[in-house]
Amino acid sequence: MKILISADMEGATGVTWPADVLPGTPQWERCRPMFTSDVNAAALGFYDGGADEVLINEAHWSMRNLLLEQLDDRVQMLTGRHKSLSMVEGIQHGDVDGIAFVGYHTGAGTEGVLAHTYLA
């Protein structure tokens, strides 16, 4: 079983205001380990549940926020902005059995931390 995790940062543990997700700020540096831990916990849960493969597509801003060396060695990563399907890159090959959206925020106009909608 192959699982795709699309990982955004606004809904990650500890994120409460814009500087928490703005690359280069001290707050972003503080939140990166928590974001990484959230994503890693999801991956480990999928492995424990029987997944053979976990593909993580980093989906926040520059798509270079996760601390790669802190992720489980078994995961595969898509990082950086080179992705034609952006936040769901990896699903197009038809071999993904499930997808999880980790660290996402609510949509524009709704109540929630850092609510917004990204339009490509």
N, C-alpha and C. Protein backbone atom coordinates (compact mmCIF):
# COMPACT_ATOMS: atom_id res chain seq x y z
N MET A 1 0.85 -1.18 0.00
CA MET A 1 0.00 0.00 0.00
C MET A 1 0.89 1.24 0.00
N LYS A 2 0.57 2.18 -0.87
CA LYS A 2 1.32 3.43 -0.97
C LYS A 2 0.44 4.59 -0.54
N ILE A 3 0.97 5.42 0.35
CA ILE A 3 0.26 6.58 0.88
C ILE A 3 1.01 7.85 0.48
N LEU A 4 0.26 8.84 0.04
CA LEU A 4 0.81 10.17 -0.24
C LEU A 4 0.40 11.09 0.90
N ILE A 5 1.37 11.75 1.50
CA ILE A 5 1.09 12.78 2.51
C ILE A 5 1.41 14.12 1.88
N SER A 6 0.40 14.97 1.78
CA SER A 6 0.61 16.35 1.34
C SER A 6 0.72 17.18 2.61
N ALA A 7 1.87 17.82 2.80
CA ALA A 7 2.17 18.47 4.08
C ALA A 7 2.24 19.99 3.93
N ASP A 8 1.28 20.67 4.54
CA ASP A 8 1.26 22.13 4.59
C ASP A 8 1.61 22.54 6.01
N MET A 9 1.91 23.80 6.24
CA MET A 9 2.46 24.18 7.54
C MET A 9 1.51 24.98 8.42
N GLU A 10 0.53 25.67 7.83
CA GLU A 10 -0.30 26.56 8.64
C GLU A 10 -1.10 25.85 9.73
N GLY A 11 -1.40 24.59 9.54
CA GLY A 11 -2.16 23.85 10.53
C GLY A 11 -1.32 22.97 11.44
N ALA A 12 0.00 23.13 11.37
CA ALA A 12 0.90 22.29 12.17
C ALA A 12 0.90 22.71 13.64
N THR A 13 1.35 21.82 14.47
CA THR A 13 1.47 22.08 15.90
C THR A 13 2.24 23.37 16.15
N GLY A 14 1.70 24.22 17.01
CA GLY A 14 2.39 25.43 17.43
C GLY A 14 2.18 26.65 16.55
N VAL A 15 1.64 26.48 15.36
CA VAL A 15 1.46 27.60 14.44
C VAL A 15 0.23 28.40 14.85
N THR A 16 0.43 29.70 15.08
CA THR A 16 -0.69 30.56 15.50
C THR A 16 -0.74 31.91 14.79
N TRP A 17 0.33 32.29 14.10
CA TRP A 17 0.31 33.59 13.43
C TRP A 17 1.25 33.57 12.24
N PRO A 18 1.13 34.55 11.34
CA PRO A 18 1.85 34.48 10.06
C PRO A 18 3.36 34.27 10.15
N ALA A 19 4.05 34.89 11.09
CA ALA A 19 5.51 34.74 11.16
C ALA A 19 5.92 33.30 11.45
N ASP A 20 5.01 32.51 12.02
CA ASP A 20 5.32 31.10 12.31
C ASP A 20 5.58 30.29 11.04
N VAL A 21 5.08 30.76 9.91
CA VAL A 21 5.22 30.01 8.67
C VAL A 21 5.97 30.79 7.59
N LEU A 22 6.56 31.90 7.97
CA LEU A 22 7.29 32.75 7.02
C LEU A 22 8.77 32.38 7.04
N PRO A 23 9.26 31.74 5.97
CA PRO A 23 10.66 31.32 5.96
C PRO A 23 11.62 32.45 6.31
N GLY A 24 12.58 32.10 7.16
CA GLY A 24 13.62 33.04 7.57
C GLY A 24 13.37 33.72 8.90
N THR A 25 12.15 33.63 9.42
CA THR A 25 11.88 34.26 10.71
C THR A 25 12.26 33.32 11.85
N PRO A 26 12.57 33.87 13.02
CA PRO A 26 12.85 33.01 14.17
C PRO A 26 11.66 32.10 14.52
N GLN A 27 10.45 32.61 14.32
CA GLN A 27 9.26 31.81 14.62
C GLN A 27 9.16 30.61 13.67
N TRP A 28 9.49 30.81 12.40
CA TRP A 28 9.49 29.72 11.43
C TRP A 28 10.50 28.65 11.83
N GLU A 29 11.69 29.09 12.25
CA GLU A 29 12.71 28.13 12.70
C GLU A 29 12.20 27.33 13.90
N ARG A 30 11.45 27.99 14.79
CA ARG A 30 10.91 27.32 15.97
C ARG A 30 9.83 26.31 15.58
N CYS A 31 9.04 26.61 14.55
CA CYS A 31 7.93 25.74 14.16
C CYS A 31 8.33 24.60 13.23
N ARG A 32 9.45 24.72 12.56
CA ARG A 32 9.87 23.66 11.63
C ARG A 32 10.00 22.29 12.29
N PRO A 33 10.62 22.18 13.47
CA PRO A 33 10.70 20.85 14.10
C PRO A 33 9.33 20.28 14.46
N MET A 34 8.40 21.14 14.87
CA MET A 34 7.05 20.65 15.21
C MET A 34 6.32 20.19 13.95
N PHE A 35 6.46 20.94 12.87
CA PHE A 35 5.87 20.56 11.58
C PHE A 35 6.44 19.21 11.14
N THR A 36 7.75 19.08 11.22
CA THR A 36 8.41 17.83 10.84
C THR A 36 7.91 16.67 11.70
N SER A 37 7.76 16.90 12.98
CA SER A 37 7.28 15.86 13.89
C SER A 37 5.85 15.44 13.55
N ASP A 38 5.00 16.39 13.22
CA ASP A 38 3.62 16.06 12.82
C ASP A 38 3.61 15.16 11.59
N VAL A 39 4.40 15.54 10.59
CA VAL A 39 4.44 14.78 9.34
C VAL A 39 5.05 13.40 9.58
N ASN A 40 6.10 13.35 10.36
CA ASN A 40 6.74 12.07 10.66
C ASN A 40 5.80 11.15 11.43
N ALA A 41 5.04 11.70 12.36
CA ALA A 41 4.07 10.90 13.12
C ALA A 41 3.03 10.28 12.19
N ALA A 42 2.57 11.06 11.23
CA ALA A 42 1.61 10.53 10.26
C ALA A 42 2.23 9.40 9.46
N ALA A 43 3.46 9.60 8.99
CA ALA A 43 4.14 8.56 8.21
C ALA A 43 4.32 7.29 9.03
N LEU A 44 4.77 7.43 10.27
CA LEU A 44 4.96 6.26 11.12
C LEU A 44 3.64 5.53 11.37
N GLY A 45 2.57 6.29 11.53
CA GLY A 45 1.25 5.68 11.70
C GLY A 45 0.84 4.88 10.48
N PHE A 46 1.13 5.40 9.31
CA PHE A 46 0.80 4.66 8.08
C PHE A 46 1.64 3.40 7.96
N TYR A 47 2.93 3.49 8.29
CA TYR A 47 3.76 2.28 8.27
C TYR A 47 3.23 1.25 9.27
N ASP A 48 2.90 1.71 10.47
CA ASP A 48 2.36 0.80 11.49
C ASP A 48 1.05 0.17 11.04
N GLY A 49 0.30 0.90 10.22
CA GLY A 49 -0.98 0.41 9.72
C GLY A 49 -0.88 -0.45 8.47
N GLY A 50 0.35 -0.69 7.99
CA GLY A 50 0.52 -1.59 6.87
C GLY A 50 1.01 -0.99 5.57
N ALA A 51 1.27 0.30 5.54
CA ALA A 51 1.78 0.91 4.31
C ALA A 51 3.18 0.38 4.00
N ASP A 52 3.42 0.13 2.73
CA ASP A 52 4.75 -0.27 2.26
C ASP A 52 5.57 0.94 1.86
N GLU A 53 4.88 1.97 1.34
CA GLU A 53 5.54 3.18 0.88
C GLU A 53 4.79 4.40 1.40
N VAL A 54 5.55 5.42 1.78
CA VAL A 54 4.97 6.71 2.13
C VAL A 54 5.75 7.77 1.36
N LEU A 55 5.02 8.52 0.55
CA LEU A 55 5.58 9.61 -0.23
C LEU A 55 5.09 10.92 0.38
N ILE A 56 6.01 11.77 0.78
CA ILE A 56 5.65 13.06 1.36
C ILE A 56 5.88 14.14 0.32
N ASN A 57 4.83 14.89 0.05
CA ASN A 57 4.93 16.04 -0.84
C ASN A 57 4.85 17.29 0.02
N GLU A 58 5.96 17.98 0.14
CA GLU A 58 5.96 19.21 0.93
C GLU A 58 5.24 20.29 0.15
N ALA A 59 4.25 20.92 0.80
CA ALA A 59 3.32 21.79 0.08
C ALA A 59 3.26 23.22 0.61
N HIS A 60 4.14 23.60 1.51
CA HIS A 60 4.07 24.96 2.06
C HIS A 60 5.09 25.89 1.42
N TRP A 61 4.61 27.04 0.95
CA TRP A 61 5.40 28.18 0.47
C TRP A 61 6.48 27.76 -0.52
N SER A 62 7.73 27.75 -0.09
CA SER A 62 8.85 27.38 -0.95
C SER A 62 8.96 25.87 -1.10
N MET A 63 8.18 25.16 -0.30
CA MET A 63 8.18 23.70 -0.28
C MET A 63 9.54 23.16 0.14
N ARG A 64 10.17 23.87 1.08
CA ARG A 64 11.47 23.48 1.63
C ARG A 64 11.50 23.85 3.11
N ASN A 65 10.58 23.28 3.87
CA ASN A 65 10.42 23.63 5.28
C ASN A 65 10.67 22.46 6.23
N LEU A 66 10.42 21.25 5.77
CA LEU A 66 10.62 20.08 6.62
C LEU A 66 12.11 19.85 6.88
N LEU A 67 12.41 19.35 8.04
CA LEU A 67 13.79 19.00 8.40
C LEU A 67 14.00 17.55 7.98
N LEU A 68 14.53 17.37 6.79
CA LEU A 68 14.61 16.05 6.16
C LEU A 68 15.33 15.02 7.01
N GLU A 69 16.39 15.44 7.69
CA GLU A 69 17.18 14.49 8.48
C GLU A 69 16.41 13.97 9.70
N GLN A 70 15.28 14.58 10.01
CA GLN A 70 14.47 14.13 11.15
C GLN A 70 13.32 13.22 10.73
N LEU A 71 13.16 13.00 9.44
CA LEU A 71 12.09 12.12 8.95
C LEU A 71 12.56 10.67 8.95
N ASP A 72 11.62 9.76 9.07
CA ASP A 72 11.91 8.34 9.01
C ASP A 72 12.66 8.03 7.71
N ASP A 73 13.65 7.18 7.80
CA ASP A 73 14.49 6.84 6.64
C ASP A 73 13.72 6.18 5.50
N ARG A 74 12.58 5.62 5.79
CA ARG A 74 11.82 4.90 4.75
C ARG A 74 11.02 5.82 3.84
N VAL A 75 10.74 7.04 4.26
CA VAL A 75 9.89 7.91 3.45
C VAL A 75 10.61 8.38 2.20
N GLN A 76 9.81 8.68 1.20
CA GLN A 76 10.30 9.33 -0.01
C GLN A 76 9.77 10.75 0.02
N MET A 77 10.55 11.69 -0.50
CA MET A 77 10.19 13.11 -0.42
C MET A 77 10.10 13.76 -1.79
N LEU A 78 9.12 14.64 -1.92
CA LEU A 78 9.05 15.59 -3.03
C LEU A 78 9.13 16.96 -2.38
N THR A 79 10.14 17.72 -2.73
CA THR A 79 10.33 19.02 -2.11
C THR A 79 10.73 20.03 -3.17
N GLY A 80 10.49 21.29 -2.91
CA GLY A 80 10.79 22.34 -3.89
C GLY A 80 9.62 22.58 -4.83
N ARG A 81 9.71 23.64 -5.60
CA ARG A 81 8.59 24.09 -6.43
C ARG A 81 8.60 23.54 -7.85
N HIS A 82 9.18 22.43 -8.09
CA HIS A 82 9.30 21.86 -9.44
C HIS A 82 8.11 20.98 -9.81
N LYS A 83 6.99 21.11 -9.15
CA LYS A 83 5.91 20.13 -9.25
C LYS A 83 4.72 20.66 -10.06
N SER A 84 4.37 19.93 -11.09
CA SER A 84 3.26 20.37 -11.95
C SER A 84 1.92 20.33 -11.22
N LEU A 85 1.73 19.42 -10.29
CA LEU A 85 0.48 19.34 -9.54
C LEU A 85 0.60 19.97 -8.15
N SER A 86 1.68 20.69 -7.94
CA SER A 86 1.89 21.45 -6.72
C SER A 86 1.64 20.62 -5.46
N MET A 87 0.58 20.92 -4.74
CA MET A 87 0.34 20.34 -3.43
C MET A 87 -0.08 18.87 -3.45
N VAL A 88 -0.46 18.35 -4.60
CA VAL A 88 -0.82 16.93 -4.70
C VAL A 88 0.06 16.19 -5.70
N GLU A 89 1.22 16.74 -5.99
CA GLU A 89 2.18 16.05 -6.86
C GLU A 89 2.42 14.65 -6.31
N GLY A 90 2.47 13.69 -7.20
CA GLY A 90 2.70 12.30 -6.81
C GLY A 90 1.46 11.45 -7.00
N ILE A 91 0.31 12.09 -7.07
CA ILE A 91 -0.93 11.33 -7.22
C ILE A 91 -1.17 10.92 -8.68
N GLN A 92 -0.52 11.60 -9.60
CA GLN A 92 -0.82 11.42 -11.03
C GLN A 92 -0.35 10.09 -11.61
N HIS A 93 0.46 9.34 -10.90
CA HIS A 93 0.99 8.09 -11.44
C HIS A 93 0.03 6.91 -11.27
N GLY A 94 -1.02 7.09 -10.50
CA GLY A 94 -2.03 6.06 -10.35
C GLY A 94 -1.67 4.93 -9.40
N ASP A 95 -0.57 5.08 -8.66
CA ASP A 95 -0.16 4.01 -7.75
C ASP A 95 -0.35 4.35 -6.28
N VAL A 96 -1.05 5.44 -6.00
CA VAL A 96 -1.29 5.87 -4.63
C VAL A 96 -2.62 5.28 -4.16
N ASP A 97 -2.59 4.62 -3.00
CA ASP A 97 -3.79 3.99 -2.45
C ASP A 97 -4.56 4.90 -1.51
N GLY A 98 -3.89 5.93 -0.99
CA GLY A 98 -4.56 6.85 -0.08
C GLY A 98 -3.76 8.13 0.03
N ILE A 99 -4.45 9.21 0.40
CA ILE A 99 -3.77 10.50 0.56
C ILE A 99 -4.21 11.11 1.88
N ALA A 100 -3.25 11.73 2.56
CA ALA A 100 -3.53 12.43 3.81
C ALA A 100 -3.04 13.86 3.68
N PHE A 101 -3.82 14.79 4.17
CA PHE A 101 -3.45 16.20 4.17
C PHE A 101 -3.09 16.58 5.60
N VAL A 102 -1.82 16.78 5.85
CA VAL A 102 -1.31 17.04 7.20
C VAL A 102 -0.89 18.50 7.30
N GLY A 103 -1.33 19.17 8.36
CA GLY A 103 -0.91 20.55 8.60
C GLY A 103 -1.65 21.58 7.77
N TYR A 104 -2.77 21.21 7.22
CA TYR A 104 -3.52 22.15 6.39
C TYR A 104 -4.34 23.12 7.25
N HIS A 105 -4.76 24.19 6.64
CA HIS A 105 -5.51 25.27 7.27
C HIS A 105 -6.91 25.31 6.69
N THR A 106 -7.75 26.12 7.29
CA THR A 106 -9.10 26.29 6.75
C THR A 106 -9.05 27.24 5.54
N GLY A 107 -10.10 27.22 4.76
CA GLY A 107 -10.17 28.03 3.55
C GLY A 107 -10.46 29.50 3.83
N ALA A 108 -10.21 30.31 2.84
CA ALA A 108 -10.46 31.75 2.94
C ALA A 108 -11.91 32.01 3.33
N GLY A 109 -12.10 32.95 4.24
CA GLY A 109 -13.44 33.33 4.66
C GLY A 109 -14.04 32.46 5.74
N THR A 110 -13.28 31.48 6.22
CA THR A 110 -13.77 30.62 7.30
C THR A 110 -12.99 30.90 8.57
N GLU A 111 -13.51 30.44 9.68
CA GLU A 111 -12.80 30.61 10.94
C GLU A 111 -11.71 29.56 11.06
N GLY A 112 -10.54 29.98 11.47
CA GLY A 112 -9.44 29.05 11.65
C GLY A 112 -8.12 29.80 11.65
N VAL A 113 -7.10 29.13 12.11
CA VAL A 113 -5.76 29.73 12.16
C VAL A 113 -5.24 29.91 10.73
N LEU A 114 -4.87 31.13 10.40
CA LEU A 114 -4.27 31.48 9.11
C LEU A 114 -5.12 31.00 7.92
N ALA A 115 -6.43 31.17 8.02
CA ALA A 115 -7.34 30.75 6.96
C ALA A 115 -7.04 31.49 5.66
N HIS A 116 -6.87 30.74 4.58
CA HIS A 116 -6.68 31.32 3.25
C HIS A 116 -6.86 30.22 2.22
N THR A 117 -6.91 30.62 0.97
CA THR A 117 -7.03 29.67 -0.12
C THR A 117 -5.96 29.99 -1.15
N TYR A 118 -5.26 28.96 -1.59
CA TYR A 118 -4.20 29.11 -2.59
C TYR A 118 -4.79 28.80 -3.95
N LEU A 119 -4.62 29.71 -4.88
CA LEU A 119 -5.08 29.49 -6.24
C LEU A 119 -3.88 29.50 -7.16
N ALA A 120 -3.70 28.42 -7.89
CA ALA A 120 -2.55 28.33 -8.80
C ALA A 120 -2.86 29.01 -10.11
